[in-house]
Amino acid sequence: MDKDIKREIILDNYQNPINKGLVDDKSYILKNTNNDSCIDNIDMMMKIEDDKVVDIVFDGEACAICTSATSIIIKTLIGKSVSEVEEIIKNYQNMINEEEYDKDILGELNVYDEIYMQPNRKTCALLPSRAVINIIKEYENK
């Protein structure tokens, strides 16, 4: 993917993040995640029905990488089954950590395929995926 296109996608998702704002609905699972080394601190809420992600929202204060990654992850995961979500997140985290991954299932998340070149930004990109994992764990343990 062209660097200018990557930058445009990241900037658009930072300036106009999807589903920003929490909801007052007990059917959502809420998890907080933060980065000890910067301002990133997000709350993510996910609604799962019949093993399918039907909605995800978030709020908090975060840098451009964290906010845009959260927005893109939300767009990517809504409508997917829990097993698909787990596979996407596993591949996303592998990409960020320079491990083997399937780029074909990541879609727009591929904009972060070179984030490893900025090690201090890896945590920013990984933060929303950690929230997703914690939500899925809680869902599976219910």
Protein backbone atom coordinates (compact mmCIF):
# COMPACT_ATOMS: atom_id res chain seq x y z
CA MET A 1 0.00 0.00 0.00
CA ASP A 2 1.30 3.46 -0.94
CA LYS A 3 2.64 5.53 2.01
CA ASP A 4 0.41 8.50 1.13
CA ILE A 5 -2.69 6.29 1.09
CA LYS A 6 -1.67 4.80 4.46
CA ARG A 7 -1.21 8.27 5.92
CA GLU A 8 -4.59 9.39 4.53
CA ILE A 9 -6.42 6.37 6.00
CA ILE A 10 -4.77 6.84 9.40
CA LEU A 11 -5.47 10.56 9.47
CA ASP A 12 -9.10 10.14 8.39
CA ASN A 13 -9.74 7.51 11.08
CA TYR A 14 -8.06 9.74 13.67
CA GLN A 15 -10.03 12.87 12.75
CA ASN A 16 -13.33 11.04 12.10
CA PRO A 17 -13.25 7.85 14.18
CA ILE A 18 -16.19 5.51 13.78
CA ASN A 19 -18.46 4.77 16.78
CA LYS A 20 -16.78 7.17 19.20
CA GLY A 21 -18.87 7.56 22.33
CA LEU A 22 -19.96 5.00 24.89
CA VAL A 23 -23.52 3.76 25.33
CA ASP A 24 -25.58 3.12 28.44
CA ASP A 25 -26.46 -0.49 27.70
CA LYS A 26 -25.71 -3.43 29.99
CA SER A 27 -25.70 -5.87 27.07
CA TYR A 28 -22.27 -4.51 26.02
CA ILE A 29 -19.03 -5.72 27.60
CA LEU A 30 -16.79 -2.82 28.69
CA LYS A 31 -13.01 -2.97 28.99
CA ASN A 32 -10.45 -0.25 29.59
CA THR A 33 -6.93 -0.35 28.25
CA ASN A 34 -4.13 2.15 28.53
CA ASN A 35 -0.51 2.77 27.70
CA ASP A 36 1.70 3.55 30.69
CA SER A 37 4.18 5.46 28.53
CA CYS A 38 1.78 7.97 26.92
CA ILE A 39 -1.73 9.44 27.06
CA ASP A 40 -3.50 6.49 25.42
CA ASN A 41 -6.43 5.45 27.61
CA ILE A 42 -9.50 4.01 25.91
CA ASP A 43 -12.71 2.35 26.99
CA MET A 44 -14.12 -0.10 24.48
CA MET A 45 -17.59 -1.62 24.59
CA MET A 46 -18.61 -4.58 22.45
CA LYS A 47 -22.02 -6.17 22.00
CA ILE A 48 -21.96 -9.84 21.02
CA GLU A 49 -25.11 -11.80 20.21
CA ASP A 50 -25.15 -15.45 19.16
CA ASP A 51 -21.35 -15.47 18.79
CA LYS A 52 -21.44 -12.48 16.42
CA VAL A 53 -20.13 -8.96 17.05
CA VAL A 54 -23.10 -6.69 16.43
CA ASP A 55 -21.62 -3.40 17.68
CA ILE A 56 -18.45 -1.85 19.10
CA VAL A 57 -18.02 1.65 20.51
CA PHE A 58 -15.16 3.41 22.26
CA ASP A 59 -14.14 6.60 23.99
CA GLY A 60 -11.12 8.05 25.68
CA GLU A 61 -8.01 10.04 25.04
CA ALA A 62 -5.44 8.63 22.65
CA CYS A 63 -2.84 9.54 20.04
CA ALA A 64 -3.43 9.40 16.29
CA ILE A 65 -2.16 5.83 15.95
CA CYS A 66 -4.24 4.44 18.81
CA THR A 67 -7.41 6.32 17.83
CA SER A 68 -7.14 5.40 14.15
CA ALA A 69 -6.30 1.77 14.94
CA THR A 70 -9.34 1.58 17.22
CA SER A 71 -11.57 3.02 14.52
CA ILE A 72 -10.27 0.65 11.84
CA ILE A 73 -10.49 -2.36 14.16
CA ILE A 74 -14.11 -1.48 14.92
CA LYS A 75 -14.97 -1.23 11.21
CA THR A 76 -13.18 -4.51 10.54
CA LEU A 77 -14.80 -6.52 13.35
CA ILE A 78 -18.46 -5.49 13.34
CA GLY A 79 -20.51 -8.28 11.79
CA LYS A 80 -17.85 -10.94 12.30
CA SER A 81 -18.17 -14.11 14.35
CA VAL A 82 -16.15 -14.43 17.55
CA SER A 83 -13.84 -16.95 15.86
CA GLU A 84 -13.28 -14.58 12.92
CA VAL A 85 -12.53 -11.75 15.36
CA GLU A 86 -9.97 -13.92 17.15
CA GLU A 87 -8.29 -14.79 13.84
CA ILE A 88 -8.19 -11.16 12.66
CA ILE A 89 -6.79 -9.91 15.97
CA LYS A 90 -4.18 -12.70 16.07
CA ASN A 91 -3.01 -11.79 12.56
CA TYR A 92 -3.06 -8.05 13.34
CA GLN A 93 -0.92 -8.54 16.45
CA ASN A 94 1.45 -10.81 14.52
CA MET A 95 1.84 -8.12 11.86
CA ILE A 96 2.64 -5.45 14.45
CA ASN A 97 5.12 -7.78 16.16
CA GLU A 98 6.84 -8.76 12.89
CA GLU A 99 5.59 -12.34 13.00
CA GLU A 100 3.95 -14.37 10.25
CA TYR A 101 0.45 -13.14 9.36
CA ASP A 102 -2.20 -13.28 6.64
CA LYS A 103 -2.50 -9.79 5.17
CA ASP A 104 -5.55 -10.80 3.13
CA ILE A 105 -7.83 -10.91 6.19
CA LEU A 106 -6.69 -7.57 7.62
CA GLY A 107 -8.06 -5.14 5.02
CA GLU A 108 -7.43 -1.53 6.08
CA LEU A 109 -5.49 -2.71 9.12
CA ASN A 110 -2.59 -3.29 6.73
CA VAL A 111 -1.86 0.46 7.02
CA TYR A 112 0.13 -0.45 10.15
CA ASP A 113 2.35 -3.02 8.42
CA GLU A 114 5.45 -0.87 8.96
CA ILE A 115 4.66 0.41 12.47
CA TYR A 116 7.37 -1.93 13.80
CA MET A 117 9.88 0.57 12.37
CA GLN A 118 8.75 2.92 15.15
CA PRO A 119 8.96 0.64 18.21
CA ASN A 120 7.51 3.28 20.53
CA ARG A 121 4.30 3.30 18.41
CA LYS A 122 3.72 -0.47 18.51
CA THR A 123 1.91 -0.26 21.86
CA CYS A 124 -0.31 2.51 20.48
CA ALA A 125 -1.34 0.31 17.57
CA LEU A 126 -1.83 -2.77 19.77
CA LEU A 127 -3.92 -1.15 22.50
CA PRO A 128 -7.38 -1.59 20.92
CA SER A 129 -6.62 -5.21 20.03
CA ARG A 130 -5.85 -5.88 23.70
CA ALA A 131 -9.25 -4.51 24.67
CA VAL A 132 -10.90 -6.77 22.08
CA ILE A 133 -9.08 -9.83 23.46
CA ASN A 134 -10.18 -9.01 27.02
CA ILE A 135 -13.79 -8.53 25.91
CA ILE A 136 -13.79 -11.84 24.00
CA LYS A 137 -12.31 -13.63 27.05
CA GLU A 138 -15.08 -12.26 29.26
CA TYR A 139 -17.73 -13.21 26.70
CA GLU A 140 -16.39 -16.76 26.41
CA ASN A 141 -16.28 -17.14 30.21
CA LYS A 142 -19.95 -16.20 30.70
